[in-house]
Amino acid sequence: MSKYDKILQKILLGRSDANILFSDLCQLLIRLGFEERVKGDHHIFTRIDIEEILNLQPKKGKAKPYQVKQIRNLILRYKLRDNNYE
């Protein structure tokens, strides 16, 4: 199981939303096909086939729990998978 599979599993289980590294979350979103643009500390993720825009900011190097929950809901709603396996 790869590092990103473990992070994805952690996010989907929802047991440690406050303990996800922000950089890992960003890399996971890129692997899921999102494009990233950065303005200051705001990391904005978009994907052509997804209506929602994700606007994420780190907090002491970690992802904010409510943003992890938002991403979990998005992954489940759109049944997102790692582009490397599709």
PDB file of N, CA and C in Angstrom:
ATOM      1  N   MET A   1       0.850  -1.169   0.000  1.00  0.00           N
ATOM      2  CA  MET A   1       0.000   0.000   0.000  1.00  0.00           C
ATOM      3  C   MET A   1       0.904   1.244   0.000  1.00  0.00           C
ATOM      4  N   SER A   2       0.656   2.142  -0.951  1.00  0.00           N
ATOM      5  CA  SER A   2       1.492   3.334  -1.076  1.00  0.00           C
ATOM      6  C   SER A   2       1.144   4.365   0.001  1.00  0.00           C
ATOM      7  N   LYS A   3       2.002   5.351   0.127  1.00  0.00           N
ATOM      8  CA  LYS A   3       1.791   6.435   1.091  1.00  0.00           C
ATOM      9  C   LYS A   3       0.446   7.120   0.843  1.00  0.00           C
ATOM     10  N   TYR A   4       0.131   7.365  -0.432  1.00  0.00           N
ATOM     11  CA  TYR A   4      -1.106   8.072  -0.744  1.00  0.00           C
ATOM     12  C   TYR A   4      -2.335   7.194  -0.572  1.00  0.00           C
ATOM     13  N   ASP A   5      -2.181   5.883  -0.742  1.00  0.00           N
ATOM     14  CA  ASP A   5      -3.295   4.979  -0.431  1.00  0.00           C
ATOM     15  C   ASP A   5      -3.610   5.044   1.060  1.00  0.00           C
ATOM     16  N   LYS A   6      -2.551   5.117   1.882  1.00  0.00           N
ATOM     17  CA  LYS A   6      -2.746   5.194   3.334  1.00  0.00           C
ATOM     18  C   LYS A   6      -3.419   6.509   3.727  1.00  0.00           C
ATOM     19  N   ILE A   7      -2.994   7.601   3.103  1.00  0.00           N
ATOM     20  CA  ILE A   7      -3.600   8.903   3.395  1.00  0.00           C
ATOM     21  C   ILE A   7      -5.061   8.909   2.970  1.00  0.00           C
ATOM     22  N   LEU A   8      -5.334   8.370   1.784  1.00  0.00           N
ATOM     23  CA  LEU A   8      -6.718   8.295   1.302  1.00  0.00           C
ATOM     24  C   LEU A   8      -7.567   7.464   2.263  1.00  0.00           C
ATOM     25  N   GLN A   9      -7.038   6.348   2.719  1.00  0.00           N
ATOM     26  CA  GLN A   9      -7.763   5.495   3.661  1.00  0.00           C
ATOM     27  C   GLN A   9      -8.022   6.249   4.972  1.00  0.00           C
ATOM     28  N   LYS A  10      -7.017   6.983   5.451  1.00  0.00           N
ATOM     29  CA  LYS A  10      -7.158   7.775   6.673  1.00  0.00           C
ATOM     30  C   LYS A  10      -8.277   8.809   6.527  1.00  0.00           C
ATOM     31  N   ILE A  11      -8.307   9.465   5.373  1.00  0.00           N
ATOM     32  CA  ILE A  11      -9.326  10.485   5.116  1.00  0.00           C
ATOM     33  C   ILE A  11     -10.712   9.837   5.055  1.00  0.00           C
ATOM     34  N   LEU A  12     -10.823   8.725   4.342  1.00  0.00           N
ATOM     35  CA  LEU A  12     -12.122   8.074   4.179  1.00  0.00           C
ATOM     36  C   LEU A  12     -12.650   7.502   5.493  1.00  0.00           C
ATOM     37  N   LEU A  13     -11.766   7.043   6.369  1.00  0.00           N
ATOM     38  CA  LEU A  13     -12.203   6.523   7.669  1.00  0.00           C
ATOM     39  C   LEU A  13     -12.674   7.636   8.586  1.00  0.00           C
ATOM     40  N   GLY A  14     -12.106   8.837   8.439  1.00  0.00           N
ATOM     41  CA  GLY A  14     -12.551   9.988   9.211  1.00  0.00           C
ATOM     42  C   GLY A  14     -12.191   9.975  10.673  1.00  0.00           C
ATOM     43  N   ARG A  15     -11.193   9.199  11.046  1.00  0.00           N
ATOM     44  CA  ARG A  15     -10.827   9.100  12.458  1.00  0.00           C
ATOM     45  C   ARG A  15      -9.758  10.096  12.880  1.00  0.00           C
ATOM     46  N   SER A  16      -9.052  10.669  11.915  1.00  0.00           N
ATOM     47  CA  SER A  16      -7.947  11.559  12.286  1.00  0.00           C
ATOM     48  C   SER A  16      -7.902  12.790  11.389  1.00  0.00           C
ATOM     49  N   ASP A  17      -9.031  13.458  11.236  1.00  0.00           N
ATOM     50  CA  ASP A  17      -9.108  14.635  10.369  1.00  0.00           C
ATOM     51  C   ASP A  17      -8.149  15.738  10.800  1.00  0.00           C
ATOM     52  N   ALA A  18      -7.862  15.838  12.086  1.00  0.00           N
ATOM     53  CA  ALA A  18      -6.980  16.891  12.585  1.00  0.00           C
ATOM     54  C   ALA A  18      -5.509  16.510  12.480  1.00  0.00           C
ATOM     55  N   ASN A  19      -5.220  15.342  11.957  1.00  0.00           N
ATOM     56  CA  ASN A  19      -3.838  14.858  11.947  1.00  0.00           C
ATOM     57  C   ASN A  19      -3.356  14.527  10.542  1.00  0.00           C
ATOM     58  N   ILE A  20      -3.820  15.245   9.529  1.00  0.00           N
ATOM     59  CA  ILE A  20      -3.407  15.032   8.140  1.00  0.00           C
ATOM     60  C   ILE A  20      -2.450  16.161   7.763  1.00  0.00           C
ATOM     61  N   LEU A  21      -1.273  15.818   7.284  1.00  0.00           N
ATOM     62  CA  LEU A  21      -0.331  16.848   6.846  1.00  0.00           C
ATOM     63  C   LEU A  21      -0.875  17.571   5.619  1.00  0.00           C
ATOM     64  N   PHE A  22      -0.756  18.883   5.620  1.00  0.00           N
ATOM     65  CA  PHE A  22      -1.278  19.683   4.527  1.00  0.00           C
ATOM     66  C   PHE A  22      -0.603  19.320   3.201  1.00  0.00           C
ATOM     67  N   SER A  23       0.704  19.138   3.222  1.00  0.00           N
ATOM     68  CA  SER A  23       1.427  18.807   1.982  1.00  0.00           C
ATOM     69  C   SER A  23       0.980  17.457   1.422  1.00  0.00           C
ATOM     70  N   ASP A  24       0.707  16.488   2.297  1.00  0.00           N
ATOM     71  CA  ASP A  24       0.214  15.181   1.846  1.00  0.00           C
ATOM     72  C   ASP A  24      -1.170  15.309   1.218  1.00  0.00           C
ATOM     73  N   LEU A  25      -2.011  16.128   1.817  1.00  0.00           N
ATOM     74  CA  LEU A  25      -3.356  16.335   1.291  1.00  0.00           C
ATOM     75  C   LEU A  25      -3.299  16.972  -0.099  1.00  0.00           C
ATOM     76  N   CYS A  26      -2.424  17.961  -0.262  1.00  0.00           N
ATOM     77  CA  CYS A  26      -2.272  18.622  -1.566  1.00  0.00           C
ATOM     78  C   CYS A  26      -1.797  17.624  -2.618  1.00  0.00           C
ATOM     79  N   GLN A  27      -0.803  16.810  -2.281  1.00  0.00           N
ATOM     80  CA  GLN A  27      -0.290  15.824  -3.231  1.00  0.00           C
ATOM     81  C   GLN A  27      -1.356  14.788  -3.584  1.00  0.00           C
ATOM     82  N   LEU A  28      -2.168  14.401  -2.618  1.00  0.00           N
ATOM     83  CA  LEU A  28      -3.251  13.455  -2.886  1.00  0.00           C
ATOM     84  C   LEU A  28      -4.239  14.049  -3.885  1.00  0.00           C
ATOM     85  N   LEU A  29      -4.615  15.309  -3.693  1.00  0.00           N
ATOM     86  CA  LEU A  29      -5.555  15.949  -4.614  1.00  0.00           C
ATOM     87  C   LEU A  29      -4.983  16.024  -6.027  1.00  0.00           C
ATOM     88  N   ILE A  30      -3.694  16.294  -6.145  1.00  0.00           N
ATOM     89  CA  ILE A  30      -3.054  16.319  -7.464  1.00  0.00           C
ATOM     90  C   ILE A  30      -3.104  14.930  -8.097  1.00  0.00           C
ATOM     91  N   ARG A  31      -2.848  13.896  -7.302  1.00  0.00           N
ATOM     92  CA  ARG A  31      -2.925  12.523  -7.818  1.00  0.00           C
ATOM     93  C   ARG A  31      -4.357  12.148  -8.216  1.00  0.00           C
ATOM     94  N   LEU A  32      -5.333  12.802  -7.596  1.00  0.00           N
ATOM     95  CA  LEU A  32      -6.739  12.543  -7.939  1.00  0.00           C
ATOM     96  C   LEU A  32      -7.196  13.364  -9.146  1.00  0.00           C
ATOM     97  N   GLY A  33      -6.275  14.104  -9.752  1.00  0.00           N
ATOM     98  CA  GLY A  33      -6.588  14.807 -10.991  1.00  0.00           C
ATOM     99  C   GLY A  33      -6.920  16.278 -10.853  1.00  0.00           C
ATOM    100  N   PHE A  34      -6.732  16.838  -9.676  1.00  0.00           N
ATOM    101  CA  PHE A  34      -6.999  18.259  -9.480  1.00  0.00           C
ATOM    102  C   PHE A  34      -5.807  19.086  -9.942  1.00  0.00           C
ATOM    103  N   GLU A  35      -6.111  20.290 -10.403  1.00  0.00           N
ATOM    104  CA  GLU A  35      -5.067  21.254 -10.727  1.00  0.00           C
ATOM    105  C   GLU A  35      -4.972  22.232  -9.572  1.00  0.00           C
ATOM    106  N   GLU A  36      -3.746  22.618  -9.238  1.00  0.00           N
ATOM    107  CA  GLU A  36      -3.522  23.499  -8.089  1.00  0.00           C
ATOM    108  C   GLU A  36      -3.011  24.856  -8.551  1.00  0.00           C
ATOM    109  N   ARG A  37      -3.546  25.903  -7.938  1.00  0.00           N
ATOM    110  CA  ARG A  37      -2.937  27.227  -8.082  1.00  0.00           C
ATOM    111  C   ARG A  37      -2.823  27.814  -6.684  1.00  0.00           C
ATOM    112  N   VAL A  38      -1.778  28.593  -6.489  1.00  0.00           N
ATOM    113  CA  VAL A  38      -1.472  29.102  -5.155  1.00  0.00           C
ATOM    114  C   VAL A  38      -1.484  30.622  -5.175  1.00  0.00           C
ATOM    115  N   LYS A  39      -2.203  31.198  -4.219  1.00  0.00           N
ATOM    116  CA  LYS A  39      -2.210  32.645  -4.004  1.00  0.00           C
ATOM    117  C   LYS A  39      -1.951  32.866  -2.520  1.00  0.00           C
ATOM    118  N   GLY A  40      -0.745  33.285  -2.186  1.00  0.00           N
ATOM    119  CA  GLY A  40      -0.385  33.428  -0.775  1.00  0.00           C
ATOM    120  C   GLY A  40      -0.378  32.065  -0.115  1.00  0.00           C
ATOM    121  N   ASP A  41      -1.117  31.920   0.985  1.00  0.00           N
ATOM    122  CA  ASP A  41      -1.202  30.603   1.630  1.00  0.00           C
ATOM    123  C   ASP A  41      -2.456  29.837   1.216  1.00  0.00           C
ATOM    124  N   HIS A  42      -3.195  30.359   0.247  1.00  0.00           N
ATOM    125  CA  HIS A  42      -4.396  29.680  -0.266  1.00  0.00           C
ATOM    126  C   HIS A  42      -4.005  28.777  -1.432  1.00  0.00           C
ATOM    127  N   HIS A  43      -4.344  27.516  -1.302  1.00  0.00           N
ATOM    128  CA  HIS A  43      -4.120  26.533  -2.372  1.00  0.00           C
ATOM    129  C   HIS A  43      -5.497  26.225  -2.941  1.00  0.00           C
ATOM    130  N   ILE A  44      -5.690  26.558  -4.202  1.00  0.00           N
ATOM    131  CA  ILE A  44      -6.995  26.419  -4.844  1.00  0.00           C
ATOM    132  C   ILE A  44      -6.935  25.245  -5.818  1.00  0.00           C
ATOM    133  N   PHE A  45      -7.817  24.279  -5.620  1.00  0.00           N
ATOM    134  CA  PHE A  45      -7.832  23.068  -6.433  1.00  0.00           C
ATOM    135  C   PHE A  45      -9.110  23.017  -7.256  1.00  0.00           C
ATOM    136  N   THR A  46      -8.939  22.735  -8.538  1.00  0.00           N
ATOM    137  CA  THR A  46     -10.084  22.600  -9.431  1.00  0.00           C
ATOM    138  C   THR A  46      -9.900  21.353 -10.288  1.00  0.00           C
ATOM    139  N   ARG A  47     -11.011  20.864 -10.765  1.00  0.00           N
ATOM    140  CA  ARG A  47     -11.011  19.729 -11.690  1.00  0.00           C
ATOM    141  C   ARG A  47     -12.170  19.950 -12.647  1.00  0.00           C
ATOM    142  N   ILE A  48     -11.946  19.738 -13.928  1.00  0.00           N
ATOM    143  CA  ILE A  48     -12.934  20.062 -14.962  1.00  0.00           C
ATOM    144  C   ILE A  48     -14.294  19.421 -14.704  1.00  0.00           C
ATOM    145  N   ASP A  49     -14.313  18.168 -14.306  1.00  0.00           N
ATOM    146  CA  ASP A  49     -15.579  17.449 -14.153  1.00  0.00           C
ATOM    147  C   ASP A  49     -16.218  17.596 -12.769  1.00  0.00           C
ATOM    148  N   ILE A  50     -15.672  18.484 -11.928  1.00  0.00           N
ATOM    149  CA  ILE A  50     -16.210  18.689 -10.586  1.00  0.00           C
ATOM    150  C   ILE A  50     -16.587  20.149 -10.411  1.00  0.00           C
ATOM    151  N   GLU A  51     -17.809  20.371  -9.983  1.00  0.00           N
ATOM    152  CA  GLU A  51     -18.350  21.727  -9.850  1.00  0.00           C
ATOM    153  C   GLU A  51     -17.682  22.512  -8.717  1.00  0.00           C
ATOM    154  N   GLU A  52     -17.410  21.851  -7.603  1.00  0.00           N
ATOM    155  CA  GLU A  52     -16.864  22.517  -6.432  1.00  0.00           C
ATOM    156  C   GLU A  52     -15.410  22.946  -6.649  1.00  0.00           C
ATOM    157  N   ILE A  53     -15.050  24.052  -6.028  1.00  0.00           N
ATOM    158  CA  ILE A  53     -13.671  24.532  -6.004  1.00  0.00           C
ATOM    159  C   ILE A  53     -13.189  24.400  -4.564  1.00  0.00           C
ATOM    160  N   LEU A  54     -12.032  23.789  -4.375  1.00  0.00           N
ATOM    161  CA  LEU A  54     -11.471  23.625  -3.038  1.00  0.00           C
ATOM    162  C   LEU A  54     -10.470  24.731  -2.768  1.00  0.00           C
ATOM    163  N   ASN A  55     -10.673  25.472  -1.700  1.00  0.00           N
ATOM    164  CA  ASN A  55      -9.774  26.537  -1.296  1.00  0.00           C
ATOM    165  C   ASN A  55      -9.227  26.149   0.075  1.00  0.00           C
ATOM    166  N   LEU A  56      -7.988  25.680   0.113  1.00  0.00           N
ATOM    167  CA  LEU A  56      -7.403  25.131   1.335  1.00  0.00           C
ATOM    168  C   LEU A  56      -6.277  26.012   1.848  1.00  0.00           C
ATOM    169  N   GLN A  57      -6.149  26.079   3.163  1.00  0.00           N
ATOM    170  CA  GLN A  57      -5.054  26.783   3.804  1.00  0.00           C
ATOM    171  C   GLN A  57      -4.496  25.897   4.915  1.00  0.00           C
ATOM    172  N   PRO A  58      -3.161  25.899   5.064  1.00  0.00           N
ATOM    173  CA  PRO A  58      -2.572  25.099   6.146  1.00  0.00           C
ATOM    174  C   PRO A  58      -2.728  25.784   7.501  1.00  0.00           C
ATOM    175  N   LYS A  59      -2.675  24.990   8.537  1.00  0.00           N
ATOM    176  CA  LYS A  59      -2.657  25.499   9.905  1.00  0.00           C
ATOM    177  C   LYS A  59      -1.557  24.750  10.646  1.00  0.00           C
ATOM    178  N   LYS A  60      -0.426  25.417  10.827  1.00  0.00           N
ATOM    179  CA  LYS A  60       0.743  24.819  11.478  1.00  0.00           C
ATOM    180  C   LYS A  60       1.175  23.534  10.780  1.00  0.00           C
ATOM    181  N   GLY A  61       1.151  23.542   9.441  1.00  0.00           N
ATOM    182  CA  GLY A  61       1.617  22.398   8.656  1.00  0.00           C
ATOM    183  C   GLY A  61       0.600  21.292   8.462  1.00  0.00           C
ATOM    184  N   LYS A  62      -0.542  21.416   9.073  1.00  0.00           N
ATOM    185  CA  LYS A  62      -1.578  20.385   8.949  1.00  0.00           C
ATOM    186  C   LYS A  62      -2.796  20.949   8.226  1.00  0.00           C
ATOM    187  N   ALA A  63      -3.599  20.045   7.705  1.00  0.00           N
ATOM    188  CA  ALA A  63      -4.851  20.440   7.059  1.00  0.00           C
ATOM    189  C   ALA A  63      -5.890  20.716   8.139  1.00  0.00           C
ATOM    190  N   LYS A  64      -6.765  21.643   7.870  1.00  0.00           N
ATOM    191  CA  LYS A  64      -7.842  21.945   8.820  1.00  0.00           C
ATOM    192  C   LYS A  64      -8.872  20.822   8.767  1.00  0.00           C
ATOM    193  N   PRO A  65      -9.334  20.365   9.933  1.00  0.00           N
ATOM    194  CA  PRO A  65     -10.270  19.226   9.969  1.00  0.00           C
ATOM    195  C   PRO A  65     -11.519  19.415   9.104  1.00  0.00           C
ATOM    196  N   TYR A  66     -12.100  20.612   9.081  1.00  0.00           N
ATOM    197  CA  TYR A  66     -13.311  20.804   8.286  1.00  0.00           C
ATOM    198  C   TYR A  66     -13.015  20.683   6.792  1.00  0.00           C
ATOM    199  N   GLN A  67     -11.785  21.033   6.391  1.00  0.00           N
ATOM    200  CA  GLN A  67     -11.410  20.900   4.986  1.00  0.00           C
ATOM    201  C   GLN A  67     -11.181  19.436   4.614  1.00  0.00           C
ATOM    202  N   VAL A  68     -10.641  18.652   5.539  1.00  0.00           N
ATOM    203  CA  VAL A  68     -10.473  17.213   5.297  1.00  0.00           C
ATOM    204  C   VAL A  68     -11.846  16.571   5.127  1.00  0.00           C
ATOM    205  N   LYS A  69     -12.808  16.968   5.954  1.00  0.00           N
ATOM    206  CA  LYS A  69     -14.178  16.441   5.841  1.00  0.00           C
ATOM    207  C   LYS A  69     -14.794  16.825   4.492  1.00  0.00           C
ATOM    208  N   GLN A  70     -14.555  18.060   4.070  1.00  0.00           N
ATOM    209  CA  GLN A  70     -15.059  18.533   2.772  1.00  0.00           C
ATOM    210  C   GLN A  70     -14.481  17.673   1.643  1.00  0.00           C
ATOM    211  N   ILE A  71     -13.200  17.372   1.717  1.00  0.00           N
ATOM    212  CA  ILE A  71     -12.553  16.546   0.692  1.00  0.00           C
ATOM    213  C   ILE A  71     -13.078  15.117   0.737  1.00  0.00           C
ATOM    214  N   ARG A  72     -13.283  14.581   1.933  1.00  0.00           N
ATOM    215  CA  ARG A  72     -13.837  13.223   2.061  1.00  0.00           C
ATOM    216  C   ARG A  72     -15.200  13.144   1.378  1.00  0.00           C
ATOM    217  N   ASN A  73     -16.058  14.132   1.631  1.00  0.00           N
ATOM    218  CA  ASN A  73     -17.384  14.143   1.019  1.00  0.00           C
ATOM    219  C   ASN A  73     -17.288  14.233  -0.504  1.00  0.00           C
ATOM    220  N   LEU A  74     -16.340  15.010  -0.997  1.00  0.00           N
ATOM    221  CA  LEU A  74     -16.139  15.163  -2.433  1.00  0.00           C
ATOM    222  C   LEU A  74     -15.664  13.845  -3.063  1.00  0.00           C
ATOM    223  N   ILE A  75     -14.722  13.175  -2.411  1.00  0.00           N
ATOM    224  CA  ILE A  75     -14.200  11.897  -2.909  1.00  0.00           C
ATOM    225  C   ILE A  75     -15.327  10.866  -2.986  1.00  0.00           C
ATOM    226  N   LEU A  76     -16.143  10.823  -1.957  1.00  0.00           N
ATOM    227  CA  LEU A  76     -17.242   9.852  -1.939  1.00  0.00           C
ATOM    228  C   LEU A  76     -18.331  10.209  -2.955  1.00  0.00           C
ATOM    229  N   ARG A  77     -18.687  11.483  -3.050  1.00  0.00           N
ATOM    230  CA  ARG A  77     -19.747  11.905  -3.967  1.00  0.00           C
ATOM    231  C   ARG A  77     -19.383  11.620  -5.422  1.00  0.00           C
ATOM    232  N   TYR A  78     -18.142  11.913  -5.789  1.00  0.00           N
ATOM    233  CA  TYR A  78     -17.726  11.750  -7.180  1.00  0.00           C
ATOM    234  C   TYR A  78     -16.977  10.438  -7.440  1.00  0.00           C
ATOM    235  N   LYS A  79     -16.828   9.607  -6.394  1.00  0.00           N
ATOM    236  CA  LYS A  79     -16.139   8.309  -6.525  1.00  0.00           C
ATOM    237  C   LYS A  79     -14.773   8.485  -7.181  1.00  0.00           C
ATOM    238  N   LEU A  80     -13.984   9.401  -6.620  1.00  0.00           N
ATOM    239  CA  LEU A  80     -12.669   9.716  -7.183  1.00  0.00           C
ATOM    240  C   LEU A  80     -11.670   8.607  -6.905  1.00  0.00           C
ATOM    241  N   ARG A  81     -10.778   8.425  -7.881  1.00  0.00           N
ATOM    242  CA  ARG A  81      -9.713   7.423  -7.774  1.00  0.00           C
ATOM    243  C   ARG A  81      -8.408   8.055  -8.208  1.00  0.00           C
ATOM    244  N   ASP A  82      -7.332   7.470  -7.768  1.00  0.00           N
ATOM    245  CA  ASP A  82      -5.987   7.906  -8.136  1.00  0.00           C
ATOM    246  C   ASP A  82      -5.792   7.744  -9.642  1.00  0.00           C
ATOM    247  N   ASN A  83      -5.379   8.804 -10.352  1.00  0.00           N
ATOM    248  CA  ASN A  83      -5.170   8.753 -11.791  1.00  0.00           C
ATOM    249  C   ASN A  83      -4.131   7.722 -12.201  1.00  0.00           C
ATOM    250  N   ASN A  84      -3.219   7.382 -11.312  1.00  0.00           N
ATOM    251  CA  ASN A  84      -2.183   6.410 -11.646  1.00  0.00           C
ATOM    252  C   ASN A  84      -2.727   4.998 -11.775  1.00  0.00           C
ATOM    253  N   TYR A  85      -3.945   4.760 -11.268  1.00  0.00           N
ATOM    254  CA  TYR A  85      -4.523   3.414 -11.349  1.00  0.00           C
ATOM    255  C   TYR A  85      -5.632   3.308 -12.367  1.00  0.00           C
ATOM    256  N   GLU A  86      -6.072   4.414 -12.926  1.00  0.00           N
ATOM    257  CA  GLU A  86      -7.184   4.373 -13.870  1.00  0.00           C
ATOM    258  C   GLU A  86      -6.705   4.032 -15.262  1.00  0.00           C
TER     259      GLU A  86
END
